Amino acid sequence: MKALILTIFMLVSIFFYHVDGQTRKQGLSMAERVQQLTDMSNKKAVLRFNGNKFREYIKATPRNYSVIVMFTAMAPQRQCVVCRHASDEFTIVANSFRYSQGYSNKLFFAVVDFDEGSDVFQMLRLNTAPVFIHFPPKGKPKNADTMDISRIGFSAEAIAKWIAERTDIQIRVFRPPNYSGTLALIVLFALVAGFLYLRRNNLDFLYNKNMWGMGSLFFCFAMVSGQMWNHIRGPPFVHKGQNGQIMYVHGSSQDAAVVLGIILLTEAARGKGDPKKRKILAIVGLVLLSVFFSLLLSVFRTKTQGYPYSFLFK
């Protein structure tokens, strides 16, 4: 009798062990995955995945949620400065969605670092970072599900707009307050006011033409500088050239040569020096003005279909 009871107990144990093993092989159900992702995102807006978690929560099917994944390389030895800037912008978008009224369990944000998930990089054939990919609820990611940071950059606003195009979920970006600009302006005004107060009995320097001329020149240089261009256009930190190589300097149009040509023509007309030198300046200025203005027109014709005008180049 004892032998029979012992045999039945062993058979039942083996049965339940087999059933539990089969359940583990099948993985978590969709409801369990959604619940775990929701719990993790309530603690931290951006989830950190390795290879196993990537396969468990993103590659596993079925899914009824989208995941925006940033593939990056944040380790110091990787020396990816762009990855840190992109991570900050990505975190701003994730936090904006987390604290918005439209927050739901239909969208999650995750990051996969190369040093923690190199197998994922190999699986997706990624050889660069950062990369933003949208994994939809159904099917595999399409070409449009990979964000083109070389064209639109990776600012928080650009990421939110791209997410809205891919998921129809609108995210209003809330940036943390930055009082550094206001503080710098207050300090500047305080220094100027203090300086004027100390020199209140001798303000003749305010009528110094050289000082105002240097200030105006500095202001003009600041307004036409590359930093002002970056501030207005908001280009990405890096972009791909025509041959696919990484470029750190934007290939903008050569309008500076046009300005140089006008300056040379002006100097040639107003100068009182050697006539031959003035003639050379006039010719060089005319050539620069004609050639580069024609190039500008040609570039504009290429970008604006139907523009009828051209000069030296079509």
C-alpha atoms as a PDB file:
ATOM      1  CA  MET A   1       0.000   0.000   0.000  1.00  0.00           C
ATOM      2  CA  LYS A   2       2.810   2.405   0.899  1.00  0.00           C
ATOM      3  CA  ALA A   3       4.569   1.570  -2.345  1.00  0.00           C
ATOM      4  CA  LEU A   4       1.387   2.391  -4.317  1.00  0.00           C
ATOM      5  CA  ILE A   5       0.945   5.740  -2.549  1.00  0.00           C
ATOM      6  CA  LEU A   6       4.605   6.584  -3.157  1.00  0.00           C
ATOM      7  CA  THR A   7       4.268   5.693  -6.843  1.00  0.00           C
ATOM      8  CA  ILE A   8       1.149   7.872  -7.245  1.00  0.00           C
ATOM      9  CA  PHE A   9       2.894  10.790  -5.497  1.00  0.00           C
ATOM     10  CA  MET A  10       5.900  10.530  -7.842  1.00  0.00           C
ATOM     11  CA  LEU A  11       3.660  10.404 -10.918  1.00  0.00           C
ATOM     12  CA  VAL A  12       1.715  13.488  -9.794  1.00  0.00           C
ATOM     13  CA  SER A  13       4.967  15.383  -9.093  1.00  0.00           C
ATOM     14  CA  ILE A  14       6.351  14.505 -12.512  1.00  0.00           C
ATOM     15  CA  PHE A  15       3.074  15.624 -14.137  1.00  0.00           C
ATOM     16  CA  PHE A  16       3.021  19.030 -12.453  1.00  0.00           C
ATOM     17  CA  TYR A  17       6.727  19.544 -13.159  1.00  0.00           C
ATOM     18  CA  HIS A  18       6.096  18.818 -16.837  1.00  0.00           C
ATOM     19  CA  VAL A  19       3.129  21.215 -16.960  1.00  0.00           C
ATOM     20  CA  ASP A  20       5.141  23.971 -15.239  1.00  0.00           C
ATOM     21  CA  GLY A  21       8.006  23.448 -17.683  1.00  0.00           C
ATOM     22  CA  GLN A  22       5.668  23.746 -20.633  1.00  0.00           C
ATOM     23  CA  THR A  23       4.201  26.967 -19.206  1.00  0.00           C
ATOM     24  CA  ARG A  24       7.634  28.480 -18.765  1.00  0.00           C
ATOM     25  CA  LYS A  25       8.576  27.570 -22.309  1.00  0.00           C
ATOM     26  CA  GLN A  26       5.492  29.339 -23.619  1.00  0.00           C
ATOM     27  CA  GLY A  27       6.475  32.521 -21.736  1.00  0.00           C
ATOM     28  CA  LEU A  28       4.258  35.191 -20.254  1.00  0.00           C
ATOM     29  CA  SER A  29       0.785  35.847 -21.556  1.00  0.00           C
ATOM     30  CA  MET A  30      -0.011  39.177 -23.186  1.00  0.00           C
ATOM     31  CA  ALA A  31      -1.933  40.390 -20.138  1.00  0.00           C
ATOM     32  CA  GLU A  32       1.020  39.543 -17.884  1.00  0.00           C
ATOM     33  CA  ARG A  33       3.458  41.351 -20.178  1.00  0.00           C
ATOM     34  CA  VAL A  34       1.271  44.460 -20.306  1.00  0.00           C
ATOM     35  CA  GLN A  35       0.878  44.462 -16.531  1.00  0.00           C
ATOM     36  CA  GLN A  36       4.609  44.086 -15.938  1.00  0.00           C
ATOM     37  CA  LEU A  37       5.449  46.793 -18.480  1.00  0.00           C
ATOM     38  CA  THR A  38       2.900  49.118 -16.877  1.00  0.00           C
ATOM     39  CA  ASP A  39       4.320  48.506 -13.408  1.00  0.00           C
ATOM     40  CA  MET A  40       7.874  49.142 -14.621  1.00  0.00           C
ATOM     41  CA  SER A  41       6.943  52.298 -16.556  1.00  0.00           C
ATOM     42  CA  ASN A  42       5.151  53.678 -13.494  1.00  0.00           C
ATOM     43  CA  LYS A  43       8.491  53.546 -11.696  1.00  0.00           C
ATOM     44  CA  LYS A  44      10.645  54.752 -14.591  1.00  0.00           C
ATOM     45  CA  ALA A  45       9.492  56.281 -17.866  1.00  0.00           C
ATOM     46  CA  VAL A  46      12.279  54.685 -19.952  1.00  0.00           C
ATOM     47  CA  LEU A  47      12.689  50.935 -19.486  1.00  0.00           C
ATOM     48  CA  ARG A  48      16.163  49.450 -19.760  1.00  0.00           C
ATOM     49  CA  PHE A  49      16.194  46.171 -21.706  1.00  0.00           C
ATOM     50  CA  ASN A  50      18.865  43.585 -22.369  1.00  0.00           C
ATOM     51  CA  GLY A  51      18.643  40.859 -24.986  1.00  0.00           C
ATOM     52  CA  ASN A  52      16.363  38.569 -22.961  1.00  0.00           C
ATOM     53  CA  LYS A  53      13.919  41.314 -21.994  1.00  0.00           C
ATOM     54  CA  PHE A  54      13.872  42.578 -25.569  1.00  0.00           C
ATOM     55  CA  ARG A  55      12.808  39.180 -26.842  1.00  0.00           C
ATOM     56  CA  GLU A  56      10.329  38.688 -23.992  1.00  0.00           C
ATOM     57  CA  TYR A  57       8.507  42.022 -24.162  1.00  0.00           C
ATOM     58  CA  ILE A  58       9.065  43.272 -27.732  1.00  0.00           C
ATOM     59  CA  LYS A  59       9.630  40.319 -30.043  1.00  0.00           C
ATOM     60  CA  ALA A  60       7.069  38.067 -28.320  1.00  0.00           C
ATOM     61  CA  THR A  61       3.609  37.866 -29.864  1.00  0.00           C
ATOM     62  CA  PRO A  62       0.781  38.642 -29.643  1.00  0.00           C
ATOM     63  CA  ARG A  63       1.024  42.317 -28.583  1.00  0.00           C
ATOM     64  CA  ASN A  64      -1.521  45.092 -28.317  1.00  0.00           C
ATOM     65  CA  TYR A  65       0.977  47.852 -27.531  1.00  0.00           C
ATOM     66  CA  SER A  66       3.685  49.792 -29.323  1.00  0.00           C
ATOM     67  CA  VAL A  67       7.243  50.169 -28.069  1.00  0.00           C
ATOM     68  CA  ILE A  68       9.616  52.980 -29.002  1.00  0.00           C
ATOM     69  CA  VAL A  69      13.152  51.669 -28.556  1.00  0.00           C
ATOM     70  CA  MET A  70      16.305  53.741 -28.546  1.00  0.00           C
ATOM     71  CA  PHE A  71      19.395  51.719 -29.438  1.00  0.00           C
ATOM     72  CA  THR A  72      22.416  53.450 -27.985  1.00  0.00           C
ATOM     73  CA  ALA A  73      25.961  53.061 -26.659  1.00  0.00           C
ATOM     74  CA  MET A  74      26.289  55.040 -23.440  1.00  0.00           C
ATOM     75  CA  ALA A  75      29.421  53.418 -22.033  1.00  0.00           C
ATOM     76  CA  PRO A  76      32.318  55.893 -21.594  1.00  0.00           C
ATOM     77  CA  GLN A  77      34.655  53.787 -23.700  1.00  0.00           C
ATOM     78  CA  ARG A  78      32.261  54.122 -26.662  1.00  0.00           C
ATOM     79  CA  GLN A  79      32.761  57.915 -26.636  1.00  0.00           C
ATOM     80  CA  CYS A  80      29.324  58.547 -28.130  1.00  0.00           C
ATOM     81  CA  VAL A  81      28.615  62.156 -27.170  1.00  0.00           C
ATOM     82  CA  VAL A  82      25.602  62.265 -29.490  1.00  0.00           C
ATOM     83  CA  CYS A  83      24.078  59.294 -27.643  1.00  0.00           C
ATOM     84  CA  ARG A  84      23.979  61.266 -24.402  1.00  0.00           C
ATOM     85  CA  HIS A  85      22.211  64.225 -26.024  1.00  0.00           C
ATOM     86  CA  ALA A  86      19.760  61.883 -27.735  1.00  0.00           C
ATOM     87  CA  SER A  87      19.115  60.039 -24.450  1.00  0.00           C
ATOM     88  CA  ASP A  88      18.247  63.305 -22.697  1.00  0.00           C
ATOM     89  CA  GLU A  89      15.739  64.238 -25.433  1.00  0.00           C
ATOM     90  CA  PHE A  90      14.276  60.707 -25.441  1.00  0.00           C
ATOM     91  CA  THR A  91      13.794  60.844 -21.670  1.00  0.00           C
ATOM     92  CA  ILE A  92      11.998  64.188 -21.969  1.00  0.00           C
ATOM     93  CA  VAL A  93       9.502  62.654 -24.427  1.00  0.00           C
ATOM     94  CA  ALA A  94       8.962  59.577 -22.227  1.00  0.00           C
ATOM     95  CA  ASN A  95       8.365  61.697 -19.121  1.00  0.00           C
ATOM     96  CA  SER A  96       6.050  64.014 -21.056  1.00  0.00           C
ATOM     97  CA  PHE A  97       3.941  61.018 -22.090  1.00  0.00           C
ATOM     98  CA  ARG A  98       4.031  59.501 -18.609  1.00  0.00           C
ATOM     99  CA  TYR A  99       2.597  62.634 -16.958  1.00  0.00           C
ATOM    100  CA  SER A 100       0.180  63.540 -19.758  1.00  0.00           C
ATOM    101  CA  GLN A 101      -3.579  63.047 -19.715  1.00  0.00           C
ATOM    102  CA  GLY A 102      -3.351  60.648 -22.667  1.00  0.00           C
ATOM    103  CA  TYR A 103      -1.052  58.228 -20.826  1.00  0.00           C
ATOM    104  CA  SER A 104      -2.042  54.599 -21.408  1.00  0.00           C
ATOM    105  CA  ASN A 105      -0.591  51.121 -21.676  1.00  0.00           C
ATOM    106  CA  LYS A 106      -0.652  51.284 -25.474  1.00  0.00           C
ATOM    107  CA  LEU A 107       2.803  52.860 -25.727  1.00  0.00           C
ATOM    108  CA  PHE A 108       6.039  52.174 -23.873  1.00  0.00           C
ATOM    109  CA  PHE A 109       9.554  53.583 -24.117  1.00  0.00           C
ATOM    110  CA  ALA A 110      12.665  51.419 -23.820  1.00  0.00           C
ATOM    111  CA  VAL A 111      16.405  51.657 -24.371  1.00  0.00           C
ATOM    112  CA  VAL A 112      18.832  48.917 -25.400  1.00  0.00           C
ATOM    113  CA  ASP A 113      22.522  49.604 -24.816  1.00  0.00           C
ATOM    114  CA  PHE A 114      25.073  47.925 -27.051  1.00  0.00           C
ATOM    115  CA  ASP A 115      27.098  46.623 -24.114  1.00  0.00           C
ATOM    116  CA  GLU A 116      23.984  45.026 -22.588  1.00  0.00           C
ATOM    117  CA  GLY A 117      22.301  43.782 -25.756  1.00  0.00           C
ATOM    118  CA  SER A 118      24.865  43.337 -28.509  1.00  0.00           C
ATOM    119  CA  ASP A 119      22.914  40.299 -29.721  1.00  0.00           C
ATOM    120  CA  VAL A 120      19.934  42.579 -30.381  1.00  0.00           C
ATOM    121  CA  PHE A 121      22.120  44.881 -32.488  1.00  0.00           C
ATOM    122  CA  GLN A 122      23.267  41.850 -34.490  1.00  0.00           C
ATOM    123  CA  MET A 123      19.700  40.603 -34.845  1.00  0.00           C
ATOM    124  CA  LEU A 124      18.518  43.943 -36.264  1.00  0.00           C
ATOM    125  CA  ARG A 125      21.776  44.514 -38.218  1.00  0.00           C
ATOM    126  CA  LEU A 126      22.482  47.829 -36.534  1.00  0.00           C
ATOM    127  CA  ASN A 127      26.004  49.181 -36.828  1.00  0.00           C
ATOM    128  CA  THR A 128      25.492  52.714 -35.557  1.00  0.00           C
ATOM    129  CA  ALA A 129      23.954  54.575 -32.622  1.00  0.00           C
ATOM    130  CA  PRO A 130      21.712  56.210 -31.659  1.00  0.00           C
ATOM    131  CA  VAL A 131      18.821  54.631 -33.568  1.00  0.00           C
ATOM    132  CA  PHE A 132      15.106  55.053 -32.798  1.00  0.00           C
ATOM    133  CA  ILE A 133      12.770  52.247 -33.940  1.00  0.00           C
ATOM    134  CA  HIS A 134       9.024  51.869 -33.468  1.00  0.00           C
ATOM    135  CA  PHE A 135       7.850  48.296 -32.919  1.00  0.00           C
ATOM    136  CA  PRO A 136       4.129  48.237 -33.832  1.00  0.00           C
ATOM    137  CA  PRO A 137       1.525  45.989 -32.160  1.00  0.00           C
ATOM    138  CA  LYS A 138       1.214  43.844 -35.276  1.00  0.00           C
ATOM    139  CA  GLY A 139       3.782  42.902 -37.865  1.00  0.00           C
ATOM    140  CA  LYS A 140       7.403  43.832 -38.235  1.00  0.00           C
ATOM    141  CA  PRO A 141       8.767  47.397 -38.283  1.00  0.00           C
ATOM    142  CA  LYS A 142       8.745  49.029 -41.720  1.00  0.00           C
ATOM    143  CA  ASN A 143      11.277  51.481 -43.092  1.00  0.00           C
ATOM    144  CA  ALA A 144       9.238  54.429 -41.813  1.00  0.00           C
ATOM    145  CA  ASP A 145       9.342  52.907 -38.309  1.00  0.00           C
ATOM    146  CA  THR A 146      13.029  53.851 -38.121  1.00  0.00           C
ATOM    147  CA  MET A 147      13.417  57.534 -37.338  1.00  0.00           C
ATOM    148  CA  ASP A 148      15.587  59.423 -39.838  1.00  0.00           C
ATOM    149  CA  ILE A 149      17.637  61.518 -37.412  1.00  0.00           C
ATOM    150  CA  SER A 150      19.934  62.679 -40.224  1.00  0.00           C
ATOM    151  CA  ARG A 151      16.976  64.530 -41.752  1.00  0.00           C
ATOM    152  CA  ILE A 152      14.823  65.675 -38.819  1.00  0.00           C
ATOM    153  CA  GLY A 153      17.258  65.497 -35.902  1.00  0.00           C
ATOM    154  CA  PHE A 154      16.474  63.960 -32.527  1.00  0.00           C
ATOM    155  CA  SER A 155      15.054  66.821 -30.491  1.00  0.00           C
ATOM    156  CA  ALA A 156      12.191  65.948 -28.159  1.00  0.00           C
ATOM    157  CA  GLU A 157       9.733  67.779 -30.399  1.00  0.00           C
ATOM    158  CA  ALA A 158      10.934  65.876 -33.485  1.00  0.00           C
ATOM    159  CA  ILE A 159      10.652  62.537 -31.660  1.00  0.00           C
ATOM    160  CA  ALA A 160       7.123  63.357 -30.446  1.00  0.00           C
ATOM    161  CA  LYS A 161       6.041  64.331 -33.963  1.00  0.00           C
ATOM    162  CA  TRP A 162       7.469  61.115 -35.414  1.00  0.00           C
ATOM    163  CA  ILE A 163       5.711  59.042 -32.732  1.00  0.00           C
ATOM    164  CA  ALA A 164       2.412  60.762 -33.574  1.00  0.00           C
ATOM    165  CA  GLU A 165       2.882  59.838 -37.241  1.00  0.00           C
ATOM    166  CA  ARG A 166       3.558  56.179 -36.409  1.00  0.00           C
ATOM    167  CA  THR A 167       1.101  55.576 -33.549  1.00  0.00           C
ATOM    168  CA  ASP A 168      -1.514  58.382 -33.727  1.00  0.00           C
ATOM    169  CA  ILE A 169      -0.656  59.194 -30.095  1.00  0.00           C
ATOM    170  CA  GLN A 170      -0.128  62.911 -29.561  1.00  0.00           C
ATOM    171  CA  ILE A 171       2.522  63.828 -26.988  1.00  0.00           C
ATOM    172  CA  ARG A 172       2.890  67.385 -25.774  1.00  0.00           C
ATOM    173  CA  VAL A 173       6.521  67.911 -24.819  1.00  0.00           C
ATOM    174  CA  PHE A 174       7.149  69.415 -21.383  1.00  0.00           C
ATOM    175  CA  ARG A 175      10.745  70.445 -20.891  1.00  0.00           C
ATOM    176  CA  PRO A 176      12.094  70.945 -17.377  1.00  0.00           C
ATOM    177  CA  PRO A 177      12.496  74.655 -16.592  1.00  0.00           C
ATOM    178  CA  ASN A 178      15.896  76.118 -17.413  1.00  0.00           C
ATOM    179  CA  TYR A 179      16.613  79.350 -15.590  1.00  0.00           C
ATOM    180  CA  SER A 180      20.226  79.680 -16.719  1.00  0.00           C
ATOM    181  CA  GLY A 181      19.372  82.146 -19.509  1.00  0.00           C
ATOM    182  CA  THR A 182      17.285  84.324 -17.204  1.00  0.00           C
ATOM    183  CA  LEU A 183      19.968  84.235 -14.522  1.00  0.00           C
ATOM    184  CA  ALA A 184      22.684  85.174 -17.026  1.00  0.00           C
ATOM    185  CA  LEU A 185      20.586  88.115 -18.269  1.00  0.00           C
ATOM    186  CA  ILE A 186      20.017  89.382 -14.712  1.00  0.00           C
ATOM    187  CA  VAL A 187      23.734  89.131 -13.931  1.00  0.00           C
ATOM    188  CA  LEU A 188      24.587  90.997 -17.149  1.00  0.00           C
ATOM    189  CA  PHE A 189      22.189  93.829 -16.381  1.00  0.00           C
ATOM    190  CA  ALA A 190      23.503  94.007 -12.818  1.00  0.00           C
ATOM    191  CA  LEU A 191      27.112  94.287 -14.047  1.00  0.00           C
ATOM    192  CA  VAL A 192      26.232  96.979 -16.588  1.00  0.00           C
ATOM    193  CA  ALA A 193      24.228  98.935 -14.021  1.00  0.00           C
ATOM    194  CA  GLY A 194      27.027  98.650 -11.462  1.00  0.00           C
ATOM    195  CA  PHE A 195      29.626  99.776 -13.988  1.00  0.00           C
ATOM    196  CA  LEU A 196      27.534 102.795 -15.017  1.00  0.00           C
ATOM    197  CA  TYR A 197      26.985 103.680 -11.376  1.00  0.00           C
ATOM    198  CA  LEU A 198      30.719 103.620 -10.647  1.00  0.00           C
ATOM    199  CA  ARG A 199      31.396 105.770 -13.725  1.00  0.00           C
ATOM    200  CA  ARG A 200      28.433 108.090 -13.178  1.00  0.00           C
ATOM    201  CA  ASN A 201      30.678 111.151 -13.049  1.00  0.00           C
ATOM    202  CA  ASN A 202      32.500 110.306 -16.286  1.00  0.00           C
ATOM    203  CA  LEU A 203      30.248 108.924 -19.013  1.00  0.00           C
ATOM    204  CA  ASP A 204      32.149 110.288 -21.985  1.00  0.00           C
ATOM    205  CA  PHE A 205      33.015 106.757 -23.080  1.00  0.00           C
ATOM    206  CA  LEU A 206      29.380 106.326 -24.110  1.00  0.00           C
ATOM    207  CA  TYR A 207      30.073 108.680 -27.015  1.00  0.00           C
ATOM    208  CA  ASN A 208      33.134 106.739 -28.193  1.00  0.00           C
ATOM    209  CA  LYS A 209      32.545 105.834 -31.859  1.00  0.00           C
ATOM    210  CA  ASN A 210      35.198 103.117 -31.875  1.00  0.00           C
ATOM    211  CA  MET A 211      33.545 101.307 -28.975  1.00  0.00           C
ATOM    212  CA  TRP A 212      30.115 101.378 -30.612  1.00  0.00           C
ATOM    213  CA  GLY A 213      31.670 100.349 -33.928  1.00  0.00           C
ATOM    214  CA  MET A 214      33.348  97.309 -32.360  1.00  0.00           C
ATOM    215  CA  GLY A 215      30.134  96.400 -30.575  1.00  0.00           C
ATOM    216  CA  SER A 216      28.136  96.634 -33.806  1.00  0.00           C
ATOM    217  CA  LEU A 217      30.710  94.529 -35.658  1.00  0.00           C
ATOM    218  CA  PHE A 218      30.620  91.876 -32.951  1.00  0.00           C
ATOM    219  CA  PHE A 219      26.803  91.846 -33.080  1.00  0.00           C
ATOM    220  CA  CYS A 220      26.829  91.429 -36.882  1.00  0.00           C
ATOM    221  CA  PHE A 221      29.314  88.558 -36.668  1.00  0.00           C
ATOM    222  CA  ALA A 222      27.168  86.873 -34.008  1.00  0.00           C
ATOM    223  CA  MET A 223      24.014  87.195 -36.132  1.00  0.00           C
ATOM    224  CA  VAL A 224      25.613  85.666 -39.248  1.00  0.00           C
ATOM    225  CA  SER A 225      27.580  82.995 -37.371  1.00  0.00           C
ATOM    226  CA  GLY A 226      27.073  79.275 -37.599  1.00  0.00           C
ATOM    227  CA  GLN A 227      25.738  79.209 -34.057  1.00  0.00           C
ATOM    228  CA  MET A 228      22.855  81.490 -35.024  1.00  0.00           C
ATOM    229  CA  TRP A 229      22.184  79.280 -38.075  1.00  0.00           C
ATOM    230  CA  ASN A 230      22.060  76.251 -35.767  1.00  0.00           C
ATOM    231  CA  HIS A 231      19.714  78.073 -33.393  1.00  0.00           C
ATOM    232  CA  ILE A 232      17.296  78.968 -36.209  1.00  0.00           C
ATOM    233  CA  ARG A 233      17.431  75.743 -38.253  1.00  0.00           C
ATOM    234  CA  GLY A 234      17.920  73.255 -35.405  1.00  0.00           C
ATOM    235  CA  PRO A 235      19.991  70.774 -37.461  1.00  0.00           C
ATOM    236  CA  PRO A 236      21.048  67.370 -36.045  1.00  0.00           C
ATOM    237  CA  PHE A 237      24.485  66.965 -34.516  1.00  0.00           C
ATOM    238  CA  VAL A 238      25.510  64.646 -37.351  1.00  0.00           C
ATOM    239  CA  HIS A 239      24.032  63.755 -40.707  1.00  0.00           C
ATOM    240  CA  LYS A 240      24.823  61.479 -43.610  1.00  0.00           C
ATOM    241  CA  GLY A 241      26.423  62.819 -46.760  1.00  0.00           C
ATOM    242  CA  GLN A 242      25.618  61.850 -50.333  1.00  0.00           C
ATOM    243  CA  ASN A 243      27.946  58.838 -50.142  1.00  0.00           C
ATOM    244  CA  GLY A 244      26.600  57.700 -46.773  1.00  0.00           C
ATOM    245  CA  GLN A 245      29.525  58.995 -44.708  1.00  0.00           C
ATOM    246  CA  ILE A 246      28.977  60.716 -41.354  1.00  0.00           C
ATOM    247  CA  MET A 247      29.337  64.514 -41.587  1.00  0.00           C
ATOM    248  CA  TYR A 248      29.644  66.936 -38.678  1.00  0.00           C
ATOM    249  CA  VAL A 249      29.538  70.163 -40.733  1.00  0.00           C
ATOM    250  CA  HIS A 250      26.359  70.922 -42.663  1.00  0.00           C
ATOM    251  CA  GLY A 251      26.837  71.291 -46.421  1.00  0.00           C
ATOM    252  CA  SER A 252      24.977  74.592 -46.647  1.00  0.00           C
ATOM    253  CA  SER A 253      24.950  76.851 -49.678  1.00  0.00           C
ATOM    254  CA  GLN A 254      27.958  79.089 -50.369  1.00  0.00           C
ATOM    255  CA  ASP A 255      26.236  82.437 -49.849  1.00  0.00           C
ATOM    256  CA  ALA A 256      29.281  83.783 -47.976  1.00  0.00           C
ATOM    257  CA  ALA A 257      31.174  83.900 -51.275  1.00  0.00           C
ATOM    258  CA  VAL A 258      28.429  86.115 -52.717  1.00  0.00           C
ATOM    259  CA  VAL A 259      28.874  88.547 -49.833  1.00  0.00           C
ATOM    260  CA  LEU A 260      32.642  88.487 -50.349  1.00  0.00           C
ATOM    261  CA  GLY A 261      32.180  89.289 -54.029  1.00  0.00           C
ATOM    262  CA  ILE A 262      29.981  92.301 -53.189  1.00  0.00           C
ATOM    263  CA  ILE A 263      32.584  93.538 -50.684  1.00  0.00           C
ATOM    264  CA  LEU A 264      35.362  93.280 -53.291  1.00  0.00           C
ATOM    265  CA  LEU A 265      33.279  95.182 -55.850  1.00  0.00           C
ATOM    266  CA  THR A 266      32.531  97.884 -53.293  1.00  0.00           C
ATOM    267  CA  GLU A 267      36.196  98.242 -52.354  1.00  0.00           C
ATOM    268  CA  ALA A 268      37.196  98.419 -56.005  1.00  0.00           C
ATOM    269  CA  ALA A 269      34.715 101.240 -56.662  1.00  0.00           C
ATOM    270  CA  ARG A 270      35.496 103.275 -53.543  1.00  0.00           C
ATOM    271  CA  GLY A 271      39.245 102.661 -53.325  1.00  0.00           C
ATOM    272  CA  LYS A 272      41.843 105.307 -54.168  1.00  0.00           C
ATOM    273  CA  GLY A 273      44.854 103.052 -54.590  1.00  0.00           C
ATOM    274  CA  ASP A 274      46.555 101.507 -57.606  1.00  0.00           C
ATOM    275  CA  PRO A 275      44.153 101.302 -60.610  1.00  0.00           C
ATOM    276  CA  LYS A 276      45.470  97.832 -61.527  1.00  0.00           C
ATOM    277  CA  LYS A 277      44.769  96.545 -58.049  1.00  0.00           C
ATOM    278  CA  ARG A 278      41.281  98.037 -58.130  1.00  0.00           C
ATOM    279  CA  LYS A 279      40.699  96.396 -61.515  1.00  0.00           C
ATOM    280  CA  ILE A 280      41.792  92.990 -60.175  1.00  0.00           C
ATOM    281  CA  LEU A 281      39.504  93.387 -57.158  1.00  0.00           C
ATOM    282  CA  ALA A 282      36.601  94.276 -59.423  1.00  0.00           C
ATOM    283  CA  ILE A 283      37.166  91.245 -61.668  1.00  0.00           C
ATOM    284  CA  VAL A 284      37.572  88.812 -58.771  1.00  0.00           C
ATOM    285  CA  GLY A 285      34.508  90.217 -57.037  1.00  0.00           C
ATOM    286  CA  LEU A 286      32.437  90.010 -60.227  1.00  0.00           C
ATOM    287  CA  VAL A 287      33.505  86.395 -60.813  1.00  0.00           C
ATOM    288  CA  LEU A 288      32.692  85.375 -57.237  1.00  0.00           C
ATOM    289  CA  LEU A 289      29.347  87.122 -57.353  1.00  0.00           C
ATOM    290  CA  SER A 290      28.354  85.633 -60.722  1.00  0.00           C
ATOM    291  CA  VAL A 291      29.499  82.065 -60.125  1.00  0.00           C
ATOM    292  CA  PHE A 292      28.195  81.565 -56.612  1.00  0.00           C
ATOM    293  CA  PHE A 293      24.969  83.449 -57.205  1.00  0.00           C
ATOM    294  CA  SER A 294      24.397  81.125 -60.154  1.00  0.00           C
ATOM    295  CA  LEU A 295      25.072  78.129 -57.907  1.00  0.00           C
ATOM    296  CA  LEU A 296      22.536  79.420 -55.399  1.00  0.00           C
ATOM    297  CA  LEU A 297      19.939  79.790 -58.142  1.00  0.00           C
ATOM    298  CA  SER A 298      20.725  76.293 -59.386  1.00  0.00           C
ATOM    299  CA  VAL A 299      20.280  74.796 -55.897  1.00  0.00           C
ATOM    300  CA  PHE A 300      17.026  76.704 -55.468  1.00  0.00           C
ATOM    301  CA  ARG A 301      15.770  75.430 -58.842  1.00  0.00           C
ATOM    302  CA  THR A 302      16.544  71.877 -57.774  1.00  0.00           C
ATOM    303  CA  LYS A 303      14.631  72.248 -54.496  1.00  0.00           C
ATOM    304  CA  THR A 304      11.734  74.275 -55.942  1.00  0.00           C
ATOM    305  CA  GLN A 305      10.284  72.562 -58.980  1.00  0.00           C
ATOM    306  CA  GLY A 306       9.006  74.971 -61.609  1.00  0.00           C
ATOM    307  CA  TYR A 307      11.257  77.902 -60.672  1.00  0.00           C
ATOM    308  CA  PRO A 308      11.976  79.457 -64.098  1.00  0.00           C
ATOM    309  CA  TYR A 309      15.090  81.575 -63.539  1.00  0.00           C
ATOM    310  CA  SER A 310      18.760  80.676 -63.801  1.00  0.00           C
ATOM    311  CA  PHE A 311      21.996  82.434 -64.657  1.00  0.00           C
ATOM    312  CA  LEU A 312      25.155  80.518 -65.555  1.00  0.00           C
ATOM    313  CA  PHE A 313      24.135  77.018 -64.443  1.00  0.00           C
ATOM    314  CA  LYS A 314      20.945  75.092 -64.964  1.00  0.00           C
END
